[in-house]
C-alpha atoms as a PDB file:
ATOM      1  CA  MET A   1      -2.831  10.580  16.092  1.00  0.00           C
ATOM      2  CA  THR A   2      -1.014   9.897  12.922  1.00  0.00           C
ATOM      3  CA  VAL A   3       0.634   6.480  12.457  1.00  0.00           C
ATOM      4  CA  ARG A   4       3.853   6.470  10.353  1.00  0.00           C
ATOM      5  CA  VAL A   5       5.775   3.652   9.037  1.00  0.00           C
ATOM      6  CA  GLU A   6       8.790   3.139   6.596  1.00  0.00           C
ATOM      7  CA  ARG A   7      10.293   0.157   5.507  1.00  0.00           C
ATOM      8  CA  THR A   8      12.934  -0.372   2.929  1.00  0.00           C
ATOM      9  CA  PHE A   9      12.985  -3.735   0.732  1.00  0.00           C
ATOM     10  CA  GLU A  10      16.065  -5.265  -1.413  1.00  0.00           C
ATOM     11  CA  PHE A  11      15.347  -7.205  -4.360  1.00  0.00           C
ATOM     12  CA  ASP A  12      17.550  -9.054  -7.143  1.00  0.00           C
ATOM     13  CA  VAL A  13      15.249  -7.842  -9.886  1.00  0.00           C
ATOM     14  CA  SER A  14      15.499  -4.519 -12.020  1.00  0.00           C
ATOM     15  CA  PRO A  15      13.569  -1.134 -10.925  1.00  0.00           C
ATOM     16  CA  GLU A  16      11.438  -1.858 -13.958  1.00  0.00           C
ATOM     17  CA  ARG A  17      10.156  -5.262 -12.763  1.00  0.00           C
ATOM     18  CA  VAL A  18       9.596  -3.517  -9.279  1.00  0.00           C
ATOM     19  CA  TRP A  19       7.664  -0.790 -10.851  1.00  0.00           C
ATOM     20  CA  LYS A  20       5.625  -3.139 -12.619  1.00  0.00           C
ATOM     21  CA  PHE A  21       4.100  -4.398  -9.400  1.00  0.00           C
ATOM     22  CA  ILE A  22       4.206  -1.331  -7.318  1.00  0.00           C
ATOM     23  CA  ALA A  23       2.615   0.921  -9.859  1.00  0.00           C
ATOM     24  CA  ASP A  24      -0.606  -1.543 -10.227  1.00  0.00           C
ATOM     25  CA  PRO A  25      -3.240  -0.541  -7.843  1.00  0.00           C
ATOM     26  CA  GLU A  26      -4.722  -4.123  -7.563  1.00  0.00           C
ATOM     27  CA  LYS A  27      -1.429  -5.647  -6.647  1.00  0.00           C
ATOM     28  CA  ARG A  28      -1.008  -3.349  -3.970  1.00  0.00           C
ATOM     29  CA  ALA A  29      -4.499  -3.625  -2.632  1.00  0.00           C
ATOM     30  CA  ARG A  30      -4.244  -7.295  -2.743  1.00  0.00           C
ATOM     31  CA  SER A  31      -1.376  -7.047  -0.449  1.00  0.00           C
ATOM     32  CA  ILE A  32      -3.305  -5.632   2.239  1.00  0.00           C
ATOM     33  CA  SER A  33      -4.900  -8.106   4.632  1.00  0.00           C
ATOM     34  CA  VAL A  34      -7.823  -5.627   5.574  1.00  0.00           C
ATOM     35  CA  VAL A  35      -8.701  -5.040   2.015  1.00  0.00           C
ATOM     36  CA  THR A  36     -11.597  -7.496   1.444  1.00  0.00           C
ATOM     37  CA  ASP A  37     -12.533  -6.160  -1.957  1.00  0.00           C
ATOM     38  CA  PHE A  38     -11.727  -3.548  -4.391  1.00  0.00           C
ATOM     39  CA  GLU A  39     -13.076  -1.865  -7.440  1.00  0.00           C
ATOM     40  CA  LEU A  40     -10.765  -0.199 -10.163  1.00  0.00           C
ATOM     41  CA  LYS A  41     -11.790   2.650 -11.744  1.00  0.00           C
ATOM     42  CA  GLU A  42     -11.475   3.078 -15.578  1.00  0.00           C
ATOM     43  CA  ASN A  43      -9.310   6.088 -15.847  1.00  0.00           C
ATOM     44  CA  ASP A  44      -6.019   4.800 -16.963  1.00  0.00           C
ATOM     45  CA  GLY A  45      -5.714   2.410 -13.538  1.00  0.00           C
ATOM     46  CA  ARG A  46      -5.046   5.392 -11.110  1.00  0.00           C
ATOM     47  CA  GLU A  47      -8.045   5.144  -9.029  1.00  0.00           C
ATOM     48  CA  ALA A  48      -9.605   2.570  -7.066  1.00  0.00           C
ATOM     49  CA  ILE A  49     -12.089   1.893  -4.161  1.00  0.00           C
ATOM     50  CA  TRP A  50     -10.823  -0.485  -1.499  1.00  0.00           C
ATOM     51  CA  HIS A  51     -13.350  -2.123   0.882  1.00  0.00           C
ATOM     52  CA  VAL A  52     -11.861  -2.166   4.210  1.00  0.00           C
ATOM     53  CA  GLU A  53     -12.714  -4.296   7.270  1.00  0.00           C
ATOM     54  CA  LEU A  54     -10.992  -3.248  10.503  1.00  0.00           C
ATOM     55  CA  PRO A  55     -11.775  -5.254  13.720  1.00  0.00           C
ATOM     56  CA  ILE A  56     -12.522  -2.096  15.784  1.00  0.00           C
ATOM     57  CA  PRO A  57     -15.573  -1.831  18.127  1.00  0.00           C
ATOM     58  CA  LEU A  58     -17.374   1.393  16.266  1.00  0.00           C
ATOM     59  CA  LEU A  59     -16.753  -0.259  12.769  1.00  0.00           C
ATOM     60  CA  ASP A  60     -19.265  -3.130  12.134  1.00  0.00           C
ATOM     61  CA  ALA A  61     -19.104  -3.205   8.460  1.00  0.00           C
ATOM     62  CA  SER A  62     -16.606  -2.328   5.529  1.00  0.00           C
ATOM     63  CA  ALA A  63     -15.538   0.929   4.603  1.00  0.00           C
ATOM     64  CA  LYS A  64     -14.917   2.444   1.346  1.00  0.00           C
ATOM     65  CA  VAL A  65     -11.427   3.914   0.930  1.00  0.00           C
ATOM     66  CA  ARG A  66     -11.163   6.039  -2.311  1.00  0.00           C
ATOM     67  CA  THR A  67      -7.549   5.638  -3.541  1.00  0.00           C
ATOM     68  CA  GLU A  68      -5.925   7.532  -6.172  1.00  0.00           C
ATOM     69  CA  ASP A  69      -2.279   7.749  -7.324  1.00  0.00           C
ATOM     70  CA  VAL A  70      -1.519  11.239  -7.287  1.00  0.00           C
ATOM     71  CA  GLU A  71       2.076  11.389  -8.560  1.00  0.00           C
ATOM     72  CA  ARG A  72       3.791   8.760 -10.667  1.00  0.00           C
ATOM     73  CA  ASP A  73       7.284   9.049 -12.238  1.00  0.00           C
ATOM     74  CA  PRO A  74       7.796   5.645 -13.978  1.00  0.00           C
ATOM     75  CA  PRO A  75       9.979   3.524 -13.119  1.00  0.00           C
ATOM     76  CA  ARG A  76      11.009   5.552  -9.882  1.00  0.00           C
ATOM     77  CA  TYR A  77       8.219   6.545  -7.620  1.00  0.00           C
ATOM     78  CA  VAL A  78       4.571   6.465  -7.077  1.00  0.00           C
ATOM     79  CA  LYS A  79       2.321   8.093  -4.396  1.00  0.00           C
ATOM     80  CA  PHE A  80      -1.159   7.347  -3.692  1.00  0.00           C
ATOM     81  CA  VAL A  81      -3.832   8.745  -1.340  1.00  0.00           C
ATOM     82  CA  GLY A  82      -6.769   7.204   0.071  1.00  0.00           C
ATOM     83  CA  ARG A  83      -9.729   8.846   1.797  1.00  0.00           C
ATOM     84  CA  SER A  84     -12.929   7.528   3.749  1.00  0.00           C
ATOM     85  CA  LYS A  85     -15.150   8.523   6.657  1.00  0.00           C
ATOM     86  CA  ILE A  86     -12.605   6.728   8.962  1.00  0.00           C
ATOM     87  CA  MET A  87      -9.278   7.302   7.708  1.00  0.00           C
ATOM     88  CA  ARG A  88      -6.637   9.053   5.333  1.00  0.00           C
ATOM     89  CA  VAL A  89      -3.979   7.132   4.106  1.00  0.00           C
ATOM     90  CA  SER A  90      -1.020   7.713   2.073  1.00  0.00           C
ATOM     91  CA  GLY A  91       1.546   5.631   0.586  1.00  0.00           C
ATOM     92  CA  GLU A  92       4.850   6.418  -1.248  1.00  0.00           C
ATOM     93  CA  HIS A  93       7.073   3.922  -3.187  1.00  0.00           C
ATOM     94  CA  GLU A  94      10.565   5.039  -4.263  1.00  0.00           C
ATOM     95  CA  ILE A  95      12.538   2.746  -6.376  1.00  0.00           C
ATOM     96  CA  ARG A  96      16.246   3.030  -6.546  1.00  0.00           C
ATOM     97  CA  PRO A  97      18.403   0.900  -8.913  1.00  0.00           C
ATOM     98  CA  THR A  98      21.400  -1.060  -6.590  1.00  0.00           C
ATOM     99  CA  GLU A  99      24.374  -2.905  -7.822  1.00  0.00           C
ATOM    100  CA  ASN A 100      22.566  -6.316  -7.847  1.00  0.00           C
ATOM    101  CA  GLY A 101      18.771  -4.955  -8.487  1.00  0.00           C
ATOM    102  CA  SER A 102      16.615  -2.394  -6.723  1.00  0.00           C
ATOM    103  CA  ARG A 103      15.767  -0.925  -3.392  1.00  0.00           C
ATOM    104  CA  LEU A 104      12.155  -0.271  -2.564  1.00  0.00           C
ATOM    105  CA  ILE A 105      11.446   2.265  -0.179  1.00  0.00           C
ATOM    106  CA  ASN A 106       8.044   2.446   1.298  1.00  0.00           C
ATOM    107  CA  THR A 107       6.451   5.191   3.493  1.00  0.00           C
ATOM    108  CA  PHE A 108       2.747   4.741   4.863  1.00  0.00           C
ATOM    109  CA  ILE A 109       0.856   7.373   6.657  1.00  0.00           C
ATOM    110  CA  VAL A 110      -2.606   6.806   8.499  1.00  0.00           C
ATOM    111  CA  ASP A 111      -4.625   9.380  10.026  1.00  0.00           C
ATOM    112  CA  GLY A 112      -7.710   7.725  11.789  1.00  0.00           C
ATOM    113  CA  ARG A 113     -10.854   9.561  11.993  1.00  0.00           C
ATOM    114  CA  LEU A 114     -12.759   6.993  13.957  1.00  0.00           C
ATOM    115  CA  PRO A 115     -11.439   5.854  17.518  1.00  0.00           C
ATOM    116  CA  GLY A 116      -9.596   2.859  17.321  1.00  0.00           C
ATOM    117  CA  VAL A 117      -8.096   3.334  13.744  1.00  0.00           C
ATOM    118  CA  GLU A 118      -4.656   4.534  14.795  1.00  0.00           C
ATOM    119  CA  ARG A 119      -4.386   2.107  17.375  1.00  0.00           C
ATOM    120  CA  PHE A 120      -5.293  -0.646  14.783  1.00  0.00           C
ATOM    121  CA  PHE A 121      -2.651   0.524  12.484  1.00  0.00           C
ATOM    122  CA  GLU A 122      -0.169   1.235  15.022  1.00  0.00           C
ATOM    123  CA  ARG A 123      -0.023  -2.305  15.956  1.00  0.00           C
ATOM    124  CA  ASN A 124      -0.568  -3.592  12.317  1.00  0.00           C
ATOM    125  CA  LEU A 125       1.061  -1.412   9.756  1.00  0.00           C
ATOM    126  CA  ASP A 126       4.471  -3.103  10.053  1.00  0.00           C
ATOM    127  CA  LYS A 127       2.648  -6.594   9.369  1.00  0.00           C
ATOM    128  CA  GLU A 128       1.067  -5.047   6.299  1.00  0.00           C
ATOM    129  CA  LEU A 129       4.312  -4.142   5.156  1.00  0.00           C
ATOM    130  CA  ASP A 130       5.557  -7.273   5.462  1.00  0.00           C
ATOM    131  CA  ASN A 131       2.590  -8.712   3.465  1.00  0.00           C
ATOM    132  CA  LEU A 132       3.677  -6.016   0.741  1.00  0.00           C
ATOM    133  CA  GLU A 133       6.996  -7.765   0.703  1.00  0.00           C
ATOM    134  CA  THR A 134       5.687 -11.208   0.662  1.00  0.00           C
ATOM    135  CA  SER A 135       3.526 -10.510  -2.338  1.00  0.00           C
ATOM    136  CA  LEU A 136       6.297  -8.742  -4.176  1.00  0.00           C
ATOM    137  CA  ARG A 137       8.469 -11.666  -3.604  1.00  0.00           C
ATOM    138  CA  ALA A 138       5.841 -14.146  -4.776  1.00  0.00           C
ATOM    139  CA  ASP A 139       5.558 -12.194  -7.935  1.00  0.00           C
ATOM    140  CA  PHE A 140       9.145 -12.218  -8.476  1.00  0.00           C
ATOM    141  CA  GLY A 141       9.541 -15.842  -7.656  1.00  0.00           C
ATOM    142  CA  VAL A 142      11.955 -15.338  -5.181  1.00  0.00           C
ATOM    143  CA  GLU A 143      11.689 -16.210  -1.269  1.00  0.00           C
ATOM    144  CA  ALA A 144      12.549 -13.764   1.444  1.00  0.00           C
END
């Protein structure tokens, strides 16, 4: 089973300001509650390893999810893919200018490879997007 969530945020900041946050793998990783730690790779900041802890019965330790930005079109679009033994995740962030700032369109897809992974994300992926929006607003110095 695949879980897919799309959410759009509006900000009163420039597309370049949104890009500065969303193109940073560290800032994206820190926004996700189940990412307990991460390692950035040394090749231009496009790769990272997320250490993920999911509260599911068959997973009693953290899993490593190798993520990579597979497509970038600054300051408009970034797509990343993460792979591990327990899941495959992809995320797309498209930034569009608006009259007063920016619109950020987020799409996340999770394919679980272990029982319970899809169910966890089906219940919690929307909350993770709330976390992303909260992190973005905090970074911009504005409230929701």
